[in-house]
Amino acid sequence: MSELTRDQVVSAVHPVDDAIVAEIIATGASEADLAAACAFVAREFRSHEGRDVPLGTIGQVISILERVGARPLRGSPLGEAGSTME
């Protein structure tokens, strides 16, 4: 598992400041975890279904993204998982 970089986080979600980037990196999330969290947040944003947040690292990242109102960016380098396109 490789540690996320600031550039990976900033290129995947918006808006995020350095404190939020550091908080996401501190979870120990991998790039795949960030992609899964972005996909979950994007689905929830579109569907408003209110699914249960997964446990573990992905859930921690989801909680951070939802708390700060960050949204996955369109055209994310993470591909479909990081996209809000419908």
N, C-alpha and C. Protein backbone atom coordinates (compact mmCIF):
# COMPACT_ATOMS: atom_id res chain seq x y z
N MET A 1 0.86 -1.18 0.00
CA MET A 1 0.00 0.00 0.00
C MET A 1 0.90 1.24 0.00
N SER A 2 0.67 2.11 -0.97
CA SER A 2 1.45 3.33 -1.03
C SER A 2 0.66 4.48 -0.44
N GLU A 3 1.39 5.40 0.17
CA GLU A 3 0.75 6.55 0.79
C GLU A 3 0.32 7.55 -0.28
N LEU A 4 -0.83 8.14 -0.06
CA LEU A 4 -1.32 9.18 -0.96
C LEU A 4 -0.41 10.40 -0.92
N THR A 5 -0.39 11.10 -2.02
CA THR A 5 0.32 12.37 -2.07
C THR A 5 -0.69 13.51 -2.06
N ARG A 6 -0.22 14.69 -1.76
CA ARG A 6 -1.09 15.87 -1.78
C ARG A 6 -1.70 16.05 -3.16
N ASP A 7 -0.88 15.90 -4.20
CA ASP A 7 -1.37 16.08 -5.56
C ASP A 7 -2.48 15.09 -5.92
N GLN A 8 -2.38 13.85 -5.45
CA GLN A 8 -3.42 12.87 -5.72
C GLN A 8 -4.74 13.27 -5.08
N VAL A 9 -4.68 13.75 -3.86
CA VAL A 9 -5.91 14.16 -3.15
C VAL A 9 -6.50 15.40 -3.81
N VAL A 10 -5.69 16.41 -4.07
CA VAL A 10 -6.16 17.66 -4.66
C VAL A 10 -6.74 17.43 -6.05
N SER A 11 -6.16 16.50 -6.81
CA SER A 11 -6.66 16.25 -8.15
C SER A 11 -7.93 15.41 -8.16
N ALA A 12 -8.26 14.80 -7.03
CA ALA A 12 -9.44 13.94 -6.98
C ALA A 12 -10.68 14.62 -6.41
N VAL A 13 -10.50 15.55 -5.48
CA VAL A 13 -11.66 16.17 -4.81
C VAL A 13 -11.48 17.67 -4.69
N HIS A 14 -12.63 18.36 -4.56
CA HIS A 14 -12.63 19.82 -4.43
C HIS A 14 -13.83 20.23 -3.60
N PRO A 15 -13.82 21.19 -2.81
CA PRO A 15 -12.64 21.94 -2.40
C PRO A 15 -11.96 21.24 -1.22
N VAL A 16 -10.68 21.26 -1.20
CA VAL A 16 -9.92 20.77 -0.06
C VAL A 16 -8.76 21.72 0.19
N ASP A 17 -8.51 21.97 1.46
CA ASP A 17 -7.35 22.78 1.81
C ASP A 17 -6.27 21.85 2.36
N ASP A 18 -5.14 22.41 2.70
CA ASP A 18 -4.01 21.59 3.15
C ASP A 18 -4.32 20.80 4.42
N ALA A 19 -5.12 21.36 5.31
CA ALA A 19 -5.47 20.64 6.54
C ALA A 19 -6.29 19.39 6.22
N ILE A 20 -7.22 19.52 5.29
CA ILE A 20 -8.06 18.37 4.91
C ILE A 20 -7.23 17.34 4.16
N VAL A 21 -6.35 17.81 3.29
CA VAL A 21 -5.45 16.89 2.58
C VAL A 21 -4.64 16.09 3.59
N ALA A 22 -4.08 16.76 4.57
CA ALA A 22 -3.28 16.09 5.60
C ALA A 22 -4.13 15.09 6.38
N GLU A 23 -5.37 15.46 6.68
CA GLU A 23 -6.26 14.57 7.42
C GLU A 23 -6.56 13.30 6.61
N ILE A 24 -6.79 13.47 5.31
CA ILE A 24 -7.05 12.31 4.45
C ILE A 24 -5.81 11.42 4.36
N ILE A 25 -4.64 12.02 4.17
CA ILE A 25 -3.40 11.25 4.09
C ILE A 25 -3.15 10.52 5.41
N ALA A 26 -3.47 11.16 6.53
CA ALA A 26 -3.24 10.56 7.85
C ALA A 26 -4.08 9.31 8.10
N THR A 27 -5.15 9.12 7.32
CA THR A 27 -5.96 7.90 7.48
C THR A 27 -5.20 6.67 7.02
N GLY A 28 -4.14 6.87 6.22
CA GLY A 28 -3.40 5.74 5.67
C GLY A 28 -4.04 5.19 4.42
N ALA A 29 -4.95 5.94 3.84
CA ALA A 29 -5.66 5.50 2.64
C ALA A 29 -4.71 5.37 1.46
N SER A 30 -5.00 4.37 0.64
CA SER A 30 -4.26 4.19 -0.61
C SER A 30 -5.00 4.94 -1.72
N GLU A 31 -4.41 4.97 -2.89
CA GLU A 31 -5.08 5.60 -4.03
C GLU A 31 -6.39 4.87 -4.34
N ALA A 32 -6.39 3.54 -4.20
CA ALA A 32 -7.62 2.76 -4.43
C ALA A 32 -8.68 3.10 -3.39
N ASP A 33 -8.26 3.30 -2.13
CA ASP A 33 -9.21 3.69 -1.08
C ASP A 33 -9.83 5.05 -1.38
N LEU A 34 -9.00 5.99 -1.82
CA LEU A 34 -9.50 7.31 -2.18
C LEU A 34 -10.49 7.21 -3.34
N ALA A 35 -10.16 6.39 -4.33
CA ALA A 35 -11.06 6.20 -5.47
C ALA A 35 -12.40 5.61 -5.02
N ALA A 36 -12.36 4.63 -4.12
CA ALA A 36 -13.59 4.01 -3.62
C ALA A 36 -14.41 5.02 -2.82
N ALA A 37 -13.74 5.85 -2.00
CA ALA A 37 -14.45 6.87 -1.23
C ALA A 37 -15.08 7.91 -2.14
N CYS A 38 -14.34 8.32 -3.18
CA CYS A 38 -14.87 9.29 -4.14
C CYS A 38 -16.09 8.72 -4.86
N ALA A 39 -16.02 7.46 -5.24
CA ALA A 39 -17.14 6.82 -5.93
C ALA A 39 -18.36 6.78 -5.02
N PHE A 40 -18.17 6.45 -3.76
CA PHE A 40 -19.28 6.40 -2.80
C PHE A 40 -19.92 7.78 -2.65
N VAL A 41 -19.08 8.80 -2.45
CA VAL A 41 -19.59 10.16 -2.27
C VAL A 41 -20.32 10.64 -3.53
N ALA A 42 -19.78 10.33 -4.70
CA ALA A 42 -20.43 10.74 -5.95
C ALA A 42 -21.80 10.07 -6.10
N ARG A 43 -21.87 8.76 -5.78
CA ARG A 43 -23.16 8.05 -5.86
C ARG A 43 -24.16 8.64 -4.88
N GLU A 44 -23.72 8.90 -3.65
CA GLU A 44 -24.61 9.46 -2.65
C GLU A 44 -25.10 10.85 -3.05
N PHE A 45 -24.22 11.64 -3.63
CA PHE A 45 -24.57 13.00 -4.05
C PHE A 45 -25.65 12.95 -5.13
N ARG A 46 -25.55 11.99 -6.04
CA ARG A 46 -26.54 11.87 -7.12
C ARG A 46 -27.83 11.22 -6.66
N SER A 47 -27.73 10.19 -5.83
CA SER A 47 -28.91 9.39 -5.51
C SER A 47 -29.62 9.78 -4.23
N HIS A 48 -28.91 10.37 -3.30
CA HIS A 48 -29.46 10.73 -1.98
C HIS A 48 -30.09 9.53 -1.29
N GLU A 49 -29.51 8.33 -1.47
CA GLU A 49 -30.08 7.13 -0.87
C GLU A 49 -29.72 6.96 0.60
N GLY A 50 -28.68 7.59 1.06
CA GLY A 50 -28.32 7.49 2.47
C GLY A 50 -27.81 6.12 2.87
N ARG A 51 -26.98 5.52 2.05
CA ARG A 51 -26.42 4.20 2.36
C ARG A 51 -25.49 4.29 3.56
N ASP A 52 -25.31 3.15 4.22
CA ASP A 52 -24.38 3.08 5.35
C ASP A 52 -22.95 3.27 4.85
N VAL A 53 -22.20 4.09 5.55
CA VAL A 53 -20.80 4.33 5.20
C VAL A 53 -20.00 3.09 5.57
N PRO A 54 -19.14 2.62 4.64
CA PRO A 54 -18.31 1.45 4.95
C PRO A 54 -17.40 1.72 6.14
N LEU A 55 -16.99 0.65 6.80
CA LEU A 55 -16.06 0.76 7.91
C LEU A 55 -14.63 0.85 7.39
N GLY A 56 -13.72 1.21 8.25
CA GLY A 56 -12.30 1.21 7.90
C GLY A 56 -11.85 2.50 7.26
N THR A 57 -10.74 2.38 6.55
CA THR A 57 -10.09 3.54 5.95
C THR A 57 -10.99 4.25 4.95
N ILE A 58 -11.67 3.49 4.11
CA ILE A 58 -12.57 4.10 3.12
C ILE A 58 -13.65 4.90 3.83
N GLY A 59 -14.21 4.35 4.88
CA GLY A 59 -15.23 5.05 5.64
C GLY A 59 -14.71 6.32 6.29
N GLN A 60 -13.46 6.28 6.76
CA GLN A 60 -12.86 7.48 7.34
C GLN A 60 -12.74 8.58 6.29
N VAL A 61 -12.29 8.21 5.10
CA VAL A 61 -12.14 9.20 4.03
C VAL A 61 -13.50 9.75 3.63
N ILE A 62 -14.50 8.88 3.50
CA ILE A 62 -15.86 9.31 3.16
C ILE A 62 -16.36 10.31 4.20
N SER A 63 -16.17 10.01 5.46
CA SER A 63 -16.62 10.91 6.53
C SER A 63 -15.97 12.28 6.43
N ILE A 64 -14.68 12.30 6.11
CA ILE A 64 -13.97 13.57 5.95
C ILE A 64 -14.55 14.34 4.77
N LEU A 65 -14.70 13.67 3.63
CA LEU A 65 -15.22 14.34 2.43
C LEU A 65 -16.62 14.90 2.67
N GLU A 66 -17.47 14.11 3.32
CA GLU A 66 -18.83 14.58 3.58
C GLU A 66 -18.85 15.72 4.58
N ARG A 67 -18.00 15.64 5.60
CA ARG A 67 -17.96 16.69 6.62
C ARG A 67 -17.59 18.04 6.03
N VAL A 68 -16.64 18.06 5.11
CA VAL A 68 -16.18 19.33 4.55
C VAL A 68 -16.92 19.71 3.27
N GLY A 69 -17.81 18.86 2.80
CA GLY A 69 -18.58 19.16 1.60
C GLY A 69 -17.78 19.03 0.32
N ALA A 70 -16.70 18.27 0.36
CA ALA A 70 -15.87 18.07 -0.84
C ALA A 70 -16.58 17.12 -1.80
N ARG A 71 -16.38 17.34 -3.07
CA ARG A 71 -16.99 16.51 -4.11
C ARG A 71 -15.91 16.02 -5.06
N PRO A 72 -16.04 14.80 -5.55
CA PRO A 72 -15.10 14.32 -6.56
C PRO A 72 -15.13 15.22 -7.79
N LEU A 73 -13.98 15.43 -8.37
CA LEU A 73 -13.88 16.28 -9.55
C LEU A 73 -14.21 15.50 -10.81
N ARG A 74 -14.78 16.19 -11.77
CA ARG A 74 -14.98 15.59 -13.09
C ARG A 74 -13.63 15.44 -13.76
N GLY A 75 -13.47 14.39 -14.51
CA GLY A 75 -12.21 14.17 -15.20
C GLY A 75 -11.07 13.85 -14.26
N SER A 76 -11.40 13.30 -13.10
CA SER A 76 -10.38 12.94 -12.13
C SER A 76 -9.40 11.94 -12.71
N PRO A 77 -8.14 12.04 -12.34
CA PRO A 77 -7.18 11.03 -12.80
C PRO A 77 -7.48 9.65 -12.23
N LEU A 78 -8.45 9.59 -11.31
CA LEU A 78 -8.85 8.30 -10.76
C LEU A 78 -9.85 7.60 -11.66
N GLY A 79 -10.24 8.26 -12.74
CA GLY A 79 -11.16 7.63 -13.69
C GLY A 79 -12.60 7.68 -13.24
N GLU A 80 -13.40 6.70 -13.69
CA GLU A 80 -14.83 6.65 -13.39
C GLU A 80 -15.10 6.76 -11.91
N ALA A 81 -14.29 6.10 -11.09
CA ALA A 81 -14.53 6.08 -9.66
C ALA A 81 -14.46 7.47 -9.05
N GLY A 82 -13.71 8.35 -9.66
CA GLY A 82 -13.57 9.69 -9.11
C GLY A 82 -14.38 10.73 -9.84
N SER A 83 -15.30 10.30 -10.69
CA SER A 83 -16.05 11.23 -11.52
C SER A 83 -17.45 11.44 -10.99
N THR A 84 -17.97 12.66 -11.15
CA THR A 84 -19.36 12.93 -10.80
C THR A 84 -20.23 12.93 -12.04
N MET A 85 -19.66 12.57 -13.19
CA MET A 85 -20.45 12.55 -14.43
C MET A 85 -21.49 11.46 -14.36
N GLU A 86 -22.66 11.74 -14.85
CA GLU A 86 -23.75 10.76 -14.79
C GLU A 86 -23.85 9.99 -16.08
